[in-house]
Amino acid sequence: MTNRFAVILAAGQGTRMKSKLYKVLHPVCGKPMVEHVVEQIGKLDMTKMVTIVGHGAELVKAKLEGKTAFALQEEQLGTAHAVMQADEALSNEDGVTLVVCGDTPLIQAETMEALMKHHEAQKAKATILTAYTDQPEGYGRLIRNEEGFVERIVEHKDATEEERKVKEINTGVFCFDNQALFQALKKVSNDNVQGEYYLPDVIEILKNDGEIVSAYQTDNMEETLGVNDRIALAKAEKIMRKRINEFHMRNGVSIIDPENTYIGLDIIIGMDTVIYPGVQLSGKTIIGEECTIGPDTEIKDCTIKDQTVIRQSVAYDSAIGSNVQIGPFAHIRPNSAIADEVKIGNFVEIKKASFGKGSKASHLSYIGDAEVGSNVNIGCGSITVNYDGKNKYLTKIEDGVFVGCNSNLVAPVTIGKNAYVAAGSTITEDVPGDGLSIARARQVNKENYVNKLKHNQ
């Protein structure tokens, strides 16, 4: 089998983004653009992948570590100059080399595979991925000769008025015979308006040498979108979000309003789950079957089992069981573990806490740094007082405990099995199992106090 290589161009700063963040690191559906490209290429059977880095090289390397090799373009002098930086890694190799820009996050593995197969079938030295558009402004044009064969590519800024009428454009994705590519790169000049070394000039060099140059036209112009500014970034986000949502709907998930539902690439959702508008799912979230999520719910890096309902709430980095009811307006903070059949109600905050099966905190409570057993009832307004200003401490609430409303459990403290805590108590010592703890001031009623107060005024 022919060796296959890939070069990803990711060295540019992207001044039109007007950002301190380097262009290829801007996220689309929660993942940097260049990472989308590298992961799609990673689905193909590639011998070696080299990413050309420049601006923000260390940050780009950190994002792609372990997925690709790197070559540094210290000075950005054009796309041909960028590819030349892979000379040491690839120039002595035999095979086919795919060149892709790191700012094309929508490109898919299937399209690149089709391009390479077409290239090999045509026995070409170079093959250009093209697309047809009624709005070719800003794109390089593919110029064909009278027989319809590829003649050259001309950049928009260098094109004549007649050439600018051409609607078949260069997408910036190429396939080359590797040896021919690196030999032709040595002949590229910077005699153009920008004074840069253009990769498309390799096409004309190969044509002049009598080599076969082919073109493969994709019917999906959207895939080839290059992101150079915030407008294109938003467009890419919308296209990818549509792609993701349609994938889940085809797999049995009901998304009530896809236009207003935001699902990341790595999300797994079970059949017959319903997603309502305003939902944001990100990270490595896994949602089971027959769940109801939303509206207006944000979930990141959570595992949620079957038949759970989460409404108008936020959950991060936690495990949530089956048949759980969360919300509205609950906050599940990191490192929480919520077992089956638990109820976390409105305005309840859970942080680094475990909840046993069947337990509930129905409203207006904060449970942090706590171990809550099974079938526990935590009354309205109750909190675990876990922080003394310097250290955090653990509260243990064992099975079957009933905590009355407006109780403060001052950690470290343990509430024994089946114990009761009277409403309004501030518990500072352990409560024995099956006991009742009352920790509040005795009520004193002063009769006729108001009348005496008025008389003395």
Protein backbone atom coordinates (compact mmCIF):
# COMPACT_ATOMS: atom_id res chain seq x y z
CA MET A 1 0.00 0.00 0.00
CA THR A 2 1.21 3.54 -0.83
CA ASN A 3 2.54 5.55 2.09
CA ARG A 4 0.27 8.43 3.03
CA PHE A 5 1.39 11.61 4.72
CA ALA A 6 -0.38 14.76 5.89
CA VAL A 7 0.80 18.33 6.40
CA ILE A 8 -1.48 20.64 8.42
CA LEU A 9 -0.82 24.36 8.08
CA ALA A 10 -1.32 25.96 11.50
CA ALA A 11 1.33 28.68 11.80
CA GLY A 12 -0.64 31.86 11.11
CA GLN A 13 -1.62 34.34 13.80
CA GLY A 14 -4.94 35.25 12.20
CA THR A 15 -4.96 39.05 12.53
CA ARG A 16 -8.50 39.31 11.19
CA MET A 17 -9.76 37.41 14.24
CA LYS A 18 -8.81 40.46 16.36
CA SER A 19 -7.85 38.18 19.21
CA LYS A 20 -5.04 37.35 21.61
CA LEU A 21 -5.85 33.70 20.93
CA TYR A 22 -4.10 32.22 17.88
CA LYS A 23 -6.50 31.58 15.05
CA VAL A 24 -6.37 27.78 14.85
CA LEU A 25 -7.03 27.54 18.61
CA HIS A 26 -10.40 29.27 18.40
CA PRO A 27 -13.00 26.65 19.31
CA VAL A 28 -15.81 25.34 17.16
CA CYS A 29 -18.36 23.40 19.20
CA GLY A 30 -15.96 23.37 22.13
CA LYS A 31 -12.85 22.12 20.31
CA PRO A 32 -10.01 24.12 18.67
CA MET A 33 -10.29 24.34 14.87
CA VAL A 34 -6.95 22.65 14.26
CA GLU A 35 -7.88 19.78 16.57
CA HIS A 36 -10.95 19.08 14.43
CA VAL A 37 -8.70 18.85 11.37
CA VAL A 38 -6.11 16.62 13.02
CA GLU A 39 -8.77 14.26 14.40
CA GLN A 40 -10.45 13.88 11.00
CA ILE A 41 -7.10 13.11 9.34
CA GLY A 42 -6.42 10.71 12.21
CA LYS A 43 -9.37 8.61 11.01
CA LEU A 44 -7.49 7.89 7.78
CA ASP A 45 -4.71 5.38 7.33
CA MET A 46 -1.80 7.84 7.47
CA THR A 47 1.88 6.94 7.77
CA LYS A 48 2.88 10.28 9.29
CA MET A 49 1.24 13.61 10.10
CA VAL A 50 3.19 16.88 10.47
CA THR A 51 1.60 20.08 11.76
CA ILE A 52 3.34 23.34 10.83
CA VAL A 53 3.31 25.68 13.81
CA GLY A 54 4.41 29.28 14.19
CA HIS A 55 2.49 31.83 16.24
CA GLY A 56 1.53 30.28 19.56
CA ALA A 57 3.54 27.17 18.70
CA GLU A 58 3.76 25.90 22.29
CA LEU A 59 0.03 26.31 22.88
CA VAL A 60 -0.81 24.53 19.63
CA LYS A 61 1.59 21.71 20.48
CA ALA A 62 0.01 21.34 23.90
CA LYS A 63 -3.43 20.88 22.35
CA LEU A 64 -2.24 18.34 19.78
CA GLU A 65 0.35 16.48 21.82
CA GLY A 66 0.55 12.80 20.88
CA LYS A 67 -1.61 13.21 17.77
CA THR A 68 0.92 14.64 15.28
CA ALA A 69 4.55 15.56 14.71
CA PHE A 70 5.48 19.26 14.42
CA ALA A 71 7.66 21.55 12.33
CA LEU A 72 8.26 25.22 13.11
CA GLN A 73 7.75 28.07 10.62
CA GLU A 74 9.57 30.87 12.40
CA GLU A 75 8.68 33.51 9.79
CA GLN A 76 5.36 33.34 7.94
CA LEU A 77 6.21 33.75 4.24
CA GLY A 78 3.28 31.96 2.65
CA THR A 79 1.75 28.51 2.30
CA ALA A 80 4.53 27.06 0.14
CA HIS A 81 7.10 28.26 2.65
CA ALA A 82 5.05 26.61 5.41
CA VAL A 83 5.00 23.23 3.68
CA MET A 84 8.77 23.51 3.10
CA GLN A 85 9.23 23.36 6.87
CA ALA A 86 8.25 19.67 6.67
CA ASP A 87 11.21 19.01 4.38
CA GLU A 88 13.29 17.28 7.02
CA ALA A 89 10.44 15.03 8.09
CA LEU A 90 9.04 14.09 4.67
CA SER A 91 11.17 15.04 1.65
CA ASN A 92 12.96 11.69 1.42
CA GLU A 93 9.75 9.69 1.63
CA ASP A 94 7.85 8.05 -1.24
CA GLY A 95 4.07 8.27 -1.22
CA VAL A 96 1.13 10.65 -1.28
CA THR A 97 0.97 13.83 0.80
CA LEU A 98 -2.25 15.55 1.82
CA VAL A 99 -1.98 19.27 2.62
CA VAL A 100 -4.79 20.82 4.69
CA CYS A 101 -5.19 24.18 6.43
CA GLY A 102 -5.72 24.13 10.18
CA ASP A 103 -8.50 26.71 9.92
CA THR A 104 -10.91 24.40 8.04
CA PRO A 105 -12.67 22.69 10.97
CA LEU A 106 -15.56 21.34 8.90
CA ILE A 107 -13.48 19.17 6.56
CA GLN A 108 -14.38 15.48 6.98
CA ALA A 109 -12.34 12.32 6.67
CA GLU A 110 -14.59 10.93 3.94
CA THR A 111 -13.92 13.91 1.67
CA MET A 112 -10.15 13.70 2.15
CA GLU A 113 -10.23 9.95 1.51
CA ALA A 114 -12.17 10.52 -1.73
CA LEU A 115 -9.62 13.15 -2.78
CA MET A 116 -6.68 10.80 -2.22
CA LYS A 117 -8.37 7.90 -4.03
CA HIS A 118 -9.12 10.15 -7.01
CA HIS A 119 -5.50 11.31 -6.99
CA GLU A 120 -4.21 7.74 -7.01
CA ALA A 121 -6.67 6.63 -9.70
CA GLN A 122 -5.62 9.51 -11.97
CA LYS A 123 -1.91 8.75 -11.39
CA ALA A 124 -1.53 12.49 -10.88
CA LYS A 125 1.39 14.35 -9.38
CA ALA A 126 -1.03 16.83 -7.81
CA THR A 127 -4.77 16.90 -7.19
CA ILE A 128 -6.73 19.93 -6.01
CA LEU A 129 -9.87 19.75 -3.95
CA THR A 130 -12.22 22.26 -5.58
CA ALA A 131 -15.76 23.48 -5.02
CA TYR A 132 -18.26 25.50 -7.02
CA THR A 133 -19.70 28.68 -5.55
CA ASP A 134 -21.73 31.66 -6.71
CA GLN A 135 -19.71 33.83 -4.32
CA PRO A 136 -16.06 33.15 -5.18
CA GLU A 137 -14.72 36.47 -3.89
CA GLY A 138 -11.55 36.03 -1.86
CA TYR A 139 -10.87 32.49 -3.10
CA GLY A 140 -8.19 31.34 -5.50
CA ARG A 141 -9.71 30.39 -8.87
CA LEU A 142 -9.10 27.13 -10.68
CA ILE A 143 -8.19 27.92 -14.28
CA ARG A 144 -8.77 25.13 -16.80
CA ASN A 145 -7.60 24.93 -20.40
CA GLU A 146 -9.83 24.45 -23.45
CA GLU A 147 -9.89 20.67 -22.89
CA GLY A 148 -11.03 21.16 -19.30
CA PHE A 149 -7.76 20.09 -17.69
CA VAL A 150 -6.23 22.03 -14.82
CA GLU A 151 -3.97 24.81 -16.06
CA ARG A 152 -3.18 26.71 -12.85
CA ILE A 153 -4.59 28.33 -9.73
CA VAL A 154 -4.62 32.10 -9.43
CA GLU A 155 -5.14 33.93 -6.14
CA HIS A 156 -8.06 36.38 -6.04
CA LYS A 157 -5.82 39.39 -5.47
CA ASP A 158 -3.63 38.41 -8.46
CA ALA A 159 -6.49 37.42 -10.79
CA THR A 160 -7.56 39.38 -13.86
CA GLU A 161 -11.16 40.58 -14.21
CA GLU A 162 -11.88 37.63 -16.50
CA GLU A 163 -10.33 35.14 -14.10
CA ARG A 164 -12.37 36.54 -11.21
CA LYS A 165 -15.55 35.47 -13.03
CA VAL A 166 -14.56 31.82 -12.60
CA LYS A 167 -16.73 30.12 -9.94
CA GLU A 168 -14.71 26.95 -9.39
CA ILE A 169 -12.47 27.73 -6.44
CA ASN A 170 -9.45 26.24 -4.75
CA THR A 171 -10.43 25.03 -1.29
CA GLY A 172 -6.82 25.03 -0.06
CA VAL A 173 -6.75 21.23 0.25
CA PHE A 174 -4.25 19.41 -1.97
CA CYS A 175 -2.91 15.96 -2.64
CA PHE A 176 0.61 15.55 -4.05
CA ASP A 177 3.13 12.95 -5.01
CA ASN A 178 5.47 13.56 -2.09
CA GLN A 179 8.73 13.62 -4.04
CA ALA A 180 7.27 15.85 -6.76
CA LEU A 181 5.93 18.24 -4.11
CA PHE A 182 9.25 18.88 -2.39
CA GLN A 183 11.15 19.15 -5.67
CA ALA A 184 8.64 21.72 -6.99
CA LEU A 185 8.69 23.71 -3.74
CA LYS A 186 12.30 24.60 -4.43
CA LYS A 187 11.20 26.35 -7.63
CA VAL A 188 8.42 28.49 -6.11
CA SER A 189 9.11 32.24 -6.19
CA ASN A 190 7.56 35.15 -4.32
CA ASP A 191 7.04 37.34 -7.39
CA ASN A 192 3.45 38.37 -6.56
CA VAL A 193 1.47 41.17 -4.93
CA GLN A 194 2.01 39.85 -1.40
CA GLY A 195 5.64 38.84 -1.87
CA GLU A 196 4.81 35.38 -0.50
CA TYR A 197 5.53 31.82 -1.58
CA TYR A 198 2.17 30.36 -2.64
CA LEU A 199 1.56 26.62 -2.52
CA PRO A 200 -0.78 26.78 -5.56
CA ASP A 201 2.25 27.84 -7.64
CA VAL A 202 3.41 24.23 -7.34
CA ILE A 203 0.54 23.33 -9.66
CA GLU A 204 1.82 25.52 -12.46
CA ILE A 205 5.38 24.26 -11.94
CA LEU A 206 4.24 20.65 -12.27
CA LYS A 207 2.15 21.50 -15.35
CA ASN A 208 5.15 23.15 -16.99
CA ASP A 209 7.13 19.98 -16.28
CA GLY A 210 4.49 17.99 -18.19
CA GLU A 211 3.09 16.26 -15.10
CA ILE A 212 -0.55 15.25 -14.62
CA VAL A 213 -2.51 17.67 -12.41
CA SER A 214 -6.04 16.65 -11.48
CA ALA A 215 -8.95 18.22 -9.63
CA TYR A 216 -11.62 16.61 -7.45
CA GLN A 217 -14.72 18.72 -6.92
CA THR A 218 -16.64 18.26 -3.70
CA ASP A 219 -20.37 18.91 -3.73
CA ASN A 220 -20.26 20.19 -0.15
CA MET A 221 -18.89 23.73 -0.21
CA GLU A 222 -19.61 24.13 3.51
CA GLU A 223 -16.96 21.54 4.41
CA THR A 224 -14.24 23.66 2.87
CA LEU A 225 -15.02 26.84 4.79
CA GLY A 226 -11.83 28.55 5.94
CA VAL A 227 -12.22 30.54 9.15
CA ASN A 228 -10.42 33.89 9.00
CA ASP A 229 -12.65 36.09 11.16
CA ARG A 230 -15.36 35.94 13.82
CA ILE A 231 -18.13 35.93 11.22
CA ALA A 232 -16.77 32.79 9.58
CA LEU A 233 -16.17 31.29 13.03
CA ALA A 234 -19.85 31.71 13.92
CA LYS A 235 -20.85 30.24 10.57
CA ALA A 236 -18.62 27.20 11.12
CA GLU A 237 -20.08 26.76 14.62
CA LYS A 238 -23.63 26.80 13.25
CA ILE A 239 -22.85 24.30 10.49
CA MET A 240 -21.09 21.90 12.84
CA ARG A 241 -23.82 22.21 15.47
CA LYS A 242 -26.39 21.28 12.81
CA ARG A 243 -24.27 18.29 11.80
CA ILE A 244 -23.97 17.11 15.42
CA ASN A 245 -27.66 17.56 16.22
CA GLU A 246 -28.74 15.70 13.09
CA PHE A 247 -26.45 12.82 14.02
CA HIS A 248 -28.16 12.45 17.40
CA MET A 249 -31.67 12.80 15.96
CA ARG A 250 -30.93 10.06 13.44
CA ASN A 251 -29.90 7.88 16.38
CA GLY A 252 -33.18 8.24 18.25
CA VAL A 253 -32.77 11.42 20.28
CA SER A 254 -35.55 14.03 20.20
CA ILE A 255 -34.19 17.57 19.97
CA ILE A 256 -37.14 19.93 20.24
CA ASP A 257 -35.40 22.99 18.79
CA PRO A 258 -32.10 22.10 17.06
CA GLU A 259 -31.39 25.75 16.25
CA ASN A 260 -31.14 26.51 19.97
CA THR A 261 -29.48 23.36 21.26
CA TYR A 262 -25.71 23.20 21.73
CA ILE A 263 -24.15 19.73 21.81
CA GLY A 264 -20.40 19.09 21.76
CA LEU A 265 -18.69 16.57 19.51
CA ASP A 266 -17.86 13.97 22.15
CA ILE A 267 -21.33 13.70 23.69
CA ILE A 268 -23.11 10.33 23.86
CA ILE A 269 -26.91 10.33 24.20
CA GLY A 270 -29.18 7.29 24.53
CA MET A 271 -32.36 6.56 22.59
CA ASP A 272 -35.64 8.28 23.43
CA THR A 273 -33.97 11.02 25.43
CA VAL A 274 -35.59 14.42 24.89
CA ILE A 275 -33.48 17.57 24.70
CA TYR A 276 -35.30 20.88 25.18
CA PRO A 277 -34.22 24.33 23.89
CA GLY A 278 -31.33 26.18 25.50
CA VAL A 279 -29.46 23.03 26.51
CA GLN A 280 -25.64 23.07 26.40
CA LEU A 281 -23.87 19.70 26.57
CA SER A 282 -20.07 19.72 26.54
CA GLY A 283 -16.95 17.81 27.49
CA LYS A 284 -17.21 14.02 27.79
CA THR A 285 -20.84 13.92 28.87
CA ILE A 286 -22.75 10.64 28.55
CA ILE A 287 -26.55 10.65 28.86
CA GLY A 288 -28.60 7.47 29.10
CA GLU A 289 -31.91 6.47 27.54
CA GLU A 290 -35.33 8.06 28.15
CA CYS A 291 -33.91 11.09 29.93
CA THR A 292 -35.35 14.59 29.81
CA ILE A 293 -32.80 17.39 29.66
CA GLY A 294 -33.75 21.06 29.80
CA PRO A 295 -34.89 23.56 28.97
CA ASP A 296 -31.94 25.90 29.67
CA THR A 297 -29.67 23.31 31.23
CA GLU A 298 -25.86 23.26 31.13
CA ILE A 299 -24.05 19.94 31.57
CA LYS A 300 -20.32 19.33 31.25
CA ASP A 301 -18.30 16.14 31.83
CA CYS A 302 -21.13 14.27 33.50
CA THR A 303 -22.42 10.69 33.34
CA ILE A 304 -26.20 10.52 33.58
CA LYS A 305 -28.09 7.23 33.66
CA ASP A 306 -31.50 6.30 32.26
CA GLN A 307 -34.82 8.08 32.89
CA THR A 308 -33.31 11.01 34.73
CA VAL A 309 -34.84 14.49 34.44
CA ILE A 310 -32.74 17.66 34.69
CA ARG A 311 -34.49 20.99 34.20
CA GLN A 312 -33.03 24.52 34.11
CA SER A 313 -29.95 23.45 36.05
CA VAL A 314 -26.15 23.27 35.86
CA ALA A 315 -24.11 20.10 36.38
CA TYR A 316 -20.32 19.73 36.08
CA ASP A 317 -17.97 16.77 36.39
CA SER A 318 -20.32 14.51 38.31
CA ALA A 319 -22.04 11.11 38.16
CA ILE A 320 -25.84 11.08 38.26
CA GLY A 321 -27.90 7.89 38.54
CA SER A 322 -31.17 6.73 36.99
CA ASN A 323 -34.64 8.05 37.80
CA VAL A 324 -33.13 11.15 39.36
CA GLN A 325 -35.02 14.46 39.48
CA ILE A 326 -32.85 17.61 39.36
CA GLY A 327 -34.06 21.21 39.25
CA PRO A 328 -35.29 23.61 38.38
CA PHE A 329 -32.38 25.92 39.22
CA ALA A 330 -30.13 23.36 40.89
CA HIS A 331 -26.33 23.42 40.73
CA ILE A 332 -24.39 20.16 40.74
CA ARG A 333 -20.74 21.11 41.20
CA PRO A 334 -17.70 18.90 40.48
CA ASN A 335 -17.00 15.58 42.18
CA SER A 336 -20.56 14.87 43.16
CA ALA A 337 -22.07 11.36 42.99
CA ILE A 338 -25.84 11.14 42.96
CA ALA A 339 -27.36 7.66 43.21
CA ASP A 340 -30.64 6.39 41.74
CA GLU A 341 -34.03 7.90 42.63
CA VAL A 342 -32.57 10.99 44.27
CA LYS A 343 -34.35 14.34 44.17
CA ILE A 344 -32.33 17.57 44.05
CA GLY A 345 -34.86 20.39 43.95
CA ASN A 346 -34.97 24.08 43.20
CA PHE A 347 -32.09 26.28 44.39
CA VAL A 348 -30.12 23.36 45.83
CA GLU A 349 -26.35 23.34 45.43
CA ILE A 350 -24.34 20.13 45.69
CA LYS A 351 -20.52 20.19 45.82
CA LYS A 352 -18.14 17.25 46.24
CA ALA A 353 -20.92 15.27 47.86
CA SER A 354 -22.43 11.81 47.49
CA PHE A 355 -26.17 11.16 47.75
CA GLY A 356 -27.44 7.66 48.46
CA LYS A 357 -30.43 6.03 46.77
CA GLY A 358 -33.78 7.69 47.41
CA SER A 359 -32.44 10.69 49.30
CA LYS A 360 -33.73 14.18 48.67
CA ALA A 361 -32.92 17.82 49.17
CA SER A 362 -35.99 19.45 47.71
CA HIS A 363 -35.26 23.14 48.05
CA LEU A 364 -32.93 25.93 49.11
CA SER A 365 -30.04 23.88 50.52
CA TYR A 366 -26.25 23.75 50.23
CA ILE A 367 -24.64 20.33 50.64
CA GLY A 368 -20.87 20.48 50.25
CA ASP A 369 -18.12 18.04 51.26
CA ALA A 370 -20.67 15.54 52.46
CA GLU A 371 -21.56 11.86 52.44
CA VAL A 372 -25.33 11.48 52.41
CA GLY A 373 -26.74 7.98 52.89
CA SER A 374 -29.89 6.41 51.46
CA ASN A 375 -33.44 7.64 52.09
CA VAL A 376 -32.28 10.83 53.75
CA ASN A 377 -34.52 13.90 53.84
CA ILE A 378 -32.77 17.27 53.98
CA GLY A 379 -35.22 20.02 54.87
CA CYS A 380 -35.57 23.40 53.21
CA GLY A 381 -32.79 25.88 53.96
CA SER A 382 -30.44 23.34 55.52
CA ILE A 383 -26.69 23.48 54.90
CA THR A 384 -23.49 21.65 55.65
CA VAL A 385 -21.15 24.21 57.19
CA ASN A 386 -18.00 22.81 55.63
CA TYR A 387 -15.53 25.72 55.68
CA ASP A 388 -13.95 27.50 58.66
CA GLY A 389 -12.12 30.08 56.54
CA LYS A 390 -9.01 27.94 56.23
CA ASN A 391 -9.94 24.26 55.91
CA LYS A 392 -12.89 22.25 54.63
CA TYR A 393 -14.39 19.39 56.60
CA LEU A 394 -16.65 16.41 55.94
CA THR A 395 -20.26 15.97 57.04
CA LYS A 396 -21.61 12.40 57.25
CA ILE A 397 -25.36 11.88 57.17
CA GLU A 398 -26.19 8.19 57.52
CA ASP A 399 -29.15 6.25 56.09
CA GLY A 400 -32.68 7.25 57.02
CA VAL A 401 -31.82 10.60 58.62
CA PHE A 402 -34.39 13.39 58.71
CA VAL A 403 -32.90 16.90 58.82
CA GLY A 404 -35.45 19.56 59.70
CA CYS A 405 -35.70 22.88 57.87
CA ASN A 406 -33.14 25.63 58.38
CA SER A 407 -30.56 23.39 60.06
CA ASN A 408 -26.80 24.02 60.09
CA LEU A 409 -24.59 20.93 60.25
CA VAL A 410 -21.18 22.25 61.31
CA ALA A 411 -18.47 19.89 60.01
CA PRO A 412 -16.75 17.71 60.92
CA VAL A 413 -19.89 16.03 62.19
CA THR A 414 -21.77 12.74 61.80
CA ILE A 415 -25.54 12.31 61.96
CA GLY A 416 -26.24 8.68 62.91
CA LYS A 417 -28.58 6.29 61.15
CA ASN A 418 -32.31 7.13 61.38
CA ALA A 419 -31.62 10.18 63.56
CA TYR A 420 -33.72 13.33 63.54
CA VAL A 421 -32.44 16.89 63.59
CA ALA A 422 -35.01 19.41 64.76
CA ALA A 423 -35.77 22.37 62.54
CA GLY A 424 -33.65 25.44 63.19
CA SER A 425 -30.83 23.51 64.88
CA THR A 426 -27.13 24.27 64.61
CA ILE A 427 -25.43 20.91 65.08
CA THR A 428 -21.81 21.03 66.26
CA GLU A 429 -21.50 17.53 67.76
CA ASP A 430 -22.24 14.05 66.45
CA VAL A 431 -25.86 12.89 66.66
CA PRO A 432 -26.38 9.24 67.72
CA GLY A 433 -28.42 6.89 65.57
CA ASP A 434 -32.18 6.89 66.27
CA GLY A 435 -31.75 10.04 68.37
CA LEU A 436 -33.34 13.48 68.15
CA SER A 437 -31.04 16.47 68.32
CA ILE A 438 -32.34 19.91 69.18
CA ALA A 439 -29.74 22.67 69.14
CA ARG A 440 -31.46 26.04 69.37
CA ALA A 441 -32.23 28.63 72.01
CA ARG A 442 -35.30 28.03 74.15
CA GLN A 443 -38.26 30.11 73.00
CA VAL A 444 -39.26 32.91 75.34
CA ASN A 445 -42.58 34.76 74.94
CA LYS A 446 -42.87 38.17 76.63
CA GLU A 447 -46.54 38.96 77.12
CA ASN A 448 -47.82 42.50 76.45
CA TYR A 449 -44.33 43.54 75.29
CA VAL A 450 -45.63 45.58 72.35
CA ASN A 451 -48.07 47.57 74.47
CA LYS A 452 -45.35 48.36 77.01
CA LEU A 453 -43.05 49.44 74.20
CA LYS A 454 -45.65 51.83 72.78
CA HIS A 455 -46.43 53.24 76.26
CA ASN A 456 -42.77 54.11 76.84
CA GLN A 457 -42.36 55.96 73.52
